[in-house]
Amino acid sequence: MIRRPSPAQSREYYVDAAEAARFLSIHPRTLQQLARAGIVPAHALGSGPRKFWRFLLSELDDWLRARIDSSCGAVRVIDRERKVQ
């Protein structure tokens, strides 16, 4: 028998721009600008010109993973200790 999580267990909560920006390692203002431009997945709350933006971390994770270009190969790490000599 396959057990599936109940809706209460699988519920994901919306996060504000500050928490979503920490997840993406960018400034919250930058994230809000990207949300306004429709570049990142975001959910606007409010009907006026100033909206509150909320984000789902799973959507941001999917968006970020889709932007990864794995065709360019591995990143080369430079050993700073050898370079200093």
N, C-alpha and C. Protein backbone atom coordinates (compact mmCIF):
# COMPACT_ATOMS: atom_id res chain seq x y z
N MET A 1 0.84 -1.18 0.00
CA MET A 1 0.00 0.00 0.00
C MET A 1 0.89 1.25 0.00
N ILE A 2 0.60 2.17 -0.90
CA ILE A 2 1.37 3.40 -1.00
C ILE A 2 0.73 4.45 -0.10
N ARG A 3 1.56 5.04 0.75
CA ARG A 3 1.06 6.09 1.65
C ARG A 3 1.41 7.44 1.06
N ARG A 4 0.44 8.27 0.93
CA ARG A 4 0.65 9.63 0.44
C ARG A 4 0.49 10.59 1.59
N PRO A 5 1.26 11.69 1.57
CA PRO A 5 1.12 12.65 2.67
C PRO A 5 -0.25 13.30 2.65
N SER A 6 -0.77 13.57 3.81
CA SER A 6 -2.06 14.24 3.89
C SER A 6 -1.87 15.69 3.44
N PRO A 7 -2.94 16.37 3.06
CA PRO A 7 -2.82 17.77 2.63
C PRO A 7 -2.17 18.65 3.69
N ALA A 8 -2.42 18.37 4.95
CA ALA A 8 -1.81 19.17 6.01
C ALA A 8 -0.30 18.96 6.07
N GLN A 9 0.17 17.77 5.76
CA GLN A 9 1.61 17.48 5.80
C GLN A 9 2.34 18.05 4.59
N SER A 10 1.68 18.14 3.45
CA SER A 10 2.34 18.58 2.24
C SER A 10 2.09 20.06 1.95
N ARG A 11 1.47 20.77 2.84
CA ARG A 11 1.17 22.18 2.61
C ARG A 11 2.45 23.02 2.65
N GLU A 12 2.58 23.87 1.66
CA GLU A 12 3.71 24.78 1.61
C GLU A 12 3.18 26.19 1.87
N TYR A 13 3.89 26.92 2.66
CA TYR A 13 3.46 28.26 3.01
C TYR A 13 4.20 29.30 2.17
N TYR A 14 3.51 30.40 1.92
CA TYR A 14 4.11 31.51 1.20
C TYR A 14 5.09 32.23 2.13
N VAL A 15 6.17 32.73 1.54
CA VAL A 15 7.16 33.50 2.29
C VAL A 15 7.22 34.91 1.72
N ASP A 16 7.70 35.84 2.54
CA ASP A 16 7.82 37.22 2.08
C ASP A 16 9.10 37.40 1.26
N ALA A 17 9.28 38.61 0.75
CA ALA A 17 10.43 38.89 -0.11
C ALA A 17 11.76 38.73 0.61
N ALA A 18 11.79 39.08 1.90
CA ALA A 18 13.05 38.98 2.65
C ALA A 18 13.51 37.53 2.74
N GLU A 19 12.60 36.62 3.07
CA GLU A 19 12.98 35.20 3.20
C GLU A 19 13.29 34.59 1.84
N ALA A 20 12.50 34.94 0.84
CA ALA A 20 12.76 34.42 -0.51
C ALA A 20 14.09 34.94 -1.05
N ALA A 21 14.41 36.20 -0.75
CA ALA A 21 15.68 36.77 -1.20
C ALA A 21 16.86 36.08 -0.51
N ARG A 22 16.71 35.74 0.77
CA ARG A 22 17.77 34.98 1.46
C ARG A 22 17.97 33.64 0.80
N PHE A 23 16.88 33.00 0.39
CA PHE A 23 16.95 31.70 -0.28
C PHE A 23 17.74 31.82 -1.60
N LEU A 24 17.54 32.93 -2.32
CA LEU A 24 18.21 33.14 -3.61
C LEU A 24 19.54 33.87 -3.48
N SER A 25 19.88 34.31 -2.29
CA SER A 25 21.11 35.07 -2.03
C SER A 25 21.16 36.36 -2.84
N ILE A 26 20.05 37.08 -2.86
CA ILE A 26 19.99 38.39 -3.51
C ILE A 26 19.32 39.37 -2.55
N HIS A 27 19.34 40.64 -2.88
CA HIS A 27 18.71 41.67 -2.06
C HIS A 27 17.19 41.62 -2.25
N PRO A 28 16.41 41.86 -1.18
CA PRO A 28 14.95 41.82 -1.31
C PRO A 28 14.40 42.79 -2.35
N ARG A 29 15.00 43.97 -2.49
CA ARG A 29 14.53 44.92 -3.51
C ARG A 29 14.72 44.38 -4.92
N THR A 30 15.84 43.70 -5.13
CA THR A 30 16.10 43.09 -6.44
C THR A 30 15.04 42.04 -6.74
N LEU A 31 14.71 41.24 -5.73
CA LEU A 31 13.69 40.21 -5.91
C LEU A 31 12.34 40.84 -6.23
N GLN A 32 11.99 41.92 -5.56
CA GLN A 32 10.72 42.59 -5.83
C GLN A 32 10.69 43.15 -7.25
N GLN A 33 11.81 43.68 -7.71
CA GLN A 33 11.88 44.19 -9.09
C GLN A 33 11.71 43.05 -10.09
N LEU A 34 12.34 41.91 -9.81
CA LEU A 34 12.20 40.75 -10.69
C LEU A 34 10.76 40.24 -10.69
N ALA A 35 10.11 40.30 -9.53
CA ALA A 35 8.71 39.87 -9.44
C ALA A 35 7.81 40.80 -10.25
N ARG A 36 8.01 42.12 -10.11
CA ARG A 36 7.21 43.08 -10.86
C ARG A 36 7.38 42.90 -12.37
N ALA A 37 8.59 42.55 -12.78
CA ALA A 37 8.87 42.35 -14.21
C ALA A 37 8.39 41.00 -14.72
N GLY A 38 7.96 40.13 -13.81
CA GLY A 38 7.48 38.80 -14.22
C GLY A 38 8.60 37.82 -14.52
N ILE A 39 9.79 38.09 -14.01
CA ILE A 39 10.93 37.22 -14.28
C ILE A 39 10.97 36.02 -13.35
N VAL A 40 10.61 36.23 -12.09
CA VAL A 40 10.59 35.13 -11.12
C VAL A 40 9.15 34.78 -10.80
N PRO A 41 8.89 33.53 -10.42
CA PRO A 41 7.54 33.16 -10.02
C PRO A 41 7.17 33.85 -8.72
N ALA A 42 6.08 34.63 -8.74
CA ALA A 42 5.66 35.38 -7.56
C ALA A 42 4.15 35.53 -7.58
N HIS A 43 3.61 35.83 -6.42
CA HIS A 43 2.16 35.98 -6.26
C HIS A 43 1.91 37.34 -5.62
N ALA A 44 1.22 38.21 -6.35
CA ALA A 44 0.94 39.56 -5.87
C ALA A 44 -0.32 39.56 -5.02
N LEU A 45 -0.25 40.25 -3.91
CA LEU A 45 -1.42 40.44 -3.05
C LEU A 45 -1.74 41.92 -3.03
N GLY A 46 -3.00 42.26 -3.21
CA GLY A 46 -3.40 43.66 -3.22
C GLY A 46 -3.82 44.08 -4.61
N SER A 47 -4.66 45.11 -4.65
CA SER A 47 -5.18 45.54 -5.95
C SER A 47 -4.68 46.91 -6.36
N GLY A 48 -3.99 47.61 -5.49
CA GLY A 48 -3.50 48.94 -5.81
C GLY A 48 -2.16 48.90 -6.52
N PRO A 49 -1.56 50.07 -6.70
CA PRO A 49 -0.25 50.11 -7.38
C PRO A 49 0.86 49.48 -6.54
N ARG A 50 0.71 49.48 -5.22
CA ARG A 50 1.70 48.85 -4.34
C ARG A 50 1.19 47.49 -3.93
N LYS A 51 1.90 46.48 -4.31
CA LYS A 51 1.47 45.12 -4.02
C LYS A 51 2.42 44.47 -3.02
N PHE A 52 1.90 43.54 -2.27
CA PHE A 52 2.72 42.70 -1.41
C PHE A 52 3.03 41.46 -2.22
N TRP A 53 4.30 41.10 -2.29
CA TRP A 53 4.71 39.93 -3.06
C TRP A 53 4.97 38.77 -2.11
N ARG A 54 4.47 37.61 -2.47
CA ARG A 54 4.71 36.39 -1.71
C ARG A 54 5.25 35.35 -2.67
N PHE A 55 6.04 34.45 -2.13
CA PHE A 55 6.76 33.48 -2.96
C PHE A 55 6.65 32.09 -2.34
N LEU A 56 6.70 31.08 -3.20
CA LEU A 56 6.80 29.70 -2.77
C LEU A 56 8.24 29.26 -3.04
N LEU A 57 8.92 28.78 -2.02
CA LEU A 57 10.32 28.39 -2.19
C LEU A 57 10.47 27.28 -3.21
N SER A 58 9.49 26.39 -3.30
CA SER A 58 9.58 25.31 -4.29
C SER A 58 9.54 25.86 -5.71
N GLU A 59 8.73 26.90 -5.95
CA GLU A 59 8.68 27.51 -7.28
C GLU A 59 9.99 28.23 -7.60
N LEU A 60 10.55 28.91 -6.60
CA LEU A 60 11.83 29.58 -6.81
C LEU A 60 12.94 28.57 -7.07
N ASP A 61 12.90 27.45 -6.36
CA ASP A 61 13.90 26.40 -6.57
C ASP A 61 13.80 25.83 -7.97
N ASP A 62 12.59 25.55 -8.44
CA ASP A 62 12.39 25.05 -9.80
C ASP A 62 12.87 26.08 -10.83
N TRP A 63 12.55 27.36 -10.61
CA TRP A 63 12.97 28.42 -11.52
C TRP A 63 14.49 28.51 -11.57
N LEU A 64 15.12 28.44 -10.42
CA LEU A 64 16.58 28.54 -10.37
C LEU A 64 17.24 27.35 -11.04
N ARG A 65 16.71 26.15 -10.80
CA ARG A 65 17.28 24.95 -11.43
C ARG A 65 17.12 24.97 -12.94
N ALA A 66 16.04 25.55 -13.43
CA ALA A 66 15.81 25.63 -14.87
C ALA A 66 16.79 26.58 -15.55
N ARG A 67 17.34 27.51 -14.79
CA ARG A 67 18.28 28.49 -15.34
C ARG A 67 19.72 28.00 -15.35
N ILE A 68 20.00 26.86 -14.76
CA ILE A 68 21.36 26.34 -14.70
C ILE A 68 21.75 25.79 -16.06
N ASP A 69 22.89 26.22 -16.56
CA ASP A 69 23.40 25.76 -17.85
C ASP A 69 24.49 24.72 -17.57
N SER A 70 24.10 23.46 -17.58
CA SER A 70 25.06 22.40 -17.27
C SER A 70 25.92 22.02 -18.48
N SER A 71 25.65 22.61 -19.64
CA SER A 71 26.44 22.27 -20.82
C SER A 71 27.82 22.92 -20.80
N CYS A 72 28.04 23.88 -19.92
CA CYS A 72 29.33 24.58 -19.92
C CYS A 72 30.39 23.83 -19.11
N GLY A 73 30.05 22.76 -18.46
CA GLY A 73 31.03 21.96 -17.73
C GLY A 73 31.21 22.40 -16.30
N ALA A 74 32.14 21.78 -15.64
CA ALA A 74 32.38 22.06 -14.23
C ALA A 74 33.11 23.39 -14.06
N VAL A 75 32.91 23.98 -12.90
CA VAL A 75 33.59 25.22 -12.57
C VAL A 75 34.99 24.90 -12.07
N ARG A 76 35.97 25.64 -12.57
CA ARG A 76 37.35 25.42 -12.16
C ARG A 76 37.62 26.23 -10.89
N VAL A 77 38.17 25.58 -9.89
CA VAL A 77 38.50 26.24 -8.64
C VAL A 77 39.98 26.59 -8.64
N ILE A 78 40.28 27.85 -8.35
CA ILE A 78 41.67 28.30 -8.31
C ILE A 78 42.13 28.22 -6.86
N ASP A 79 43.25 27.57 -6.66
CA ASP A 79 43.82 27.44 -5.32
C ASP A 79 44.60 28.71 -5.03
N ARG A 80 44.13 29.52 -4.10
CA ARG A 80 44.74 30.82 -3.81
C ARG A 80 46.13 30.66 -3.18
N GLU A 81 46.37 29.59 -2.45
CA GLU A 81 47.66 29.41 -1.83
C GLU A 81 48.77 29.24 -2.87
N ARG A 82 48.51 28.53 -3.93
CA ARG A 82 49.51 28.37 -4.99
C ARG A 82 49.72 29.67 -5.74
N LYS A 83 48.66 30.46 -5.89
CA LYS A 83 48.73 31.68 -6.66
C LYS A 83 49.54 32.77 -5.94
N VAL A 84 49.57 32.75 -4.63
CA VAL A 84 50.22 33.78 -3.83
C VAL A 84 51.74 33.70 -3.91
N GLN A 85 52.33 32.55 -4.12
CA GLN A 85 53.77 32.33 -4.09
C GLN A 85 54.49 33.29 -4.89
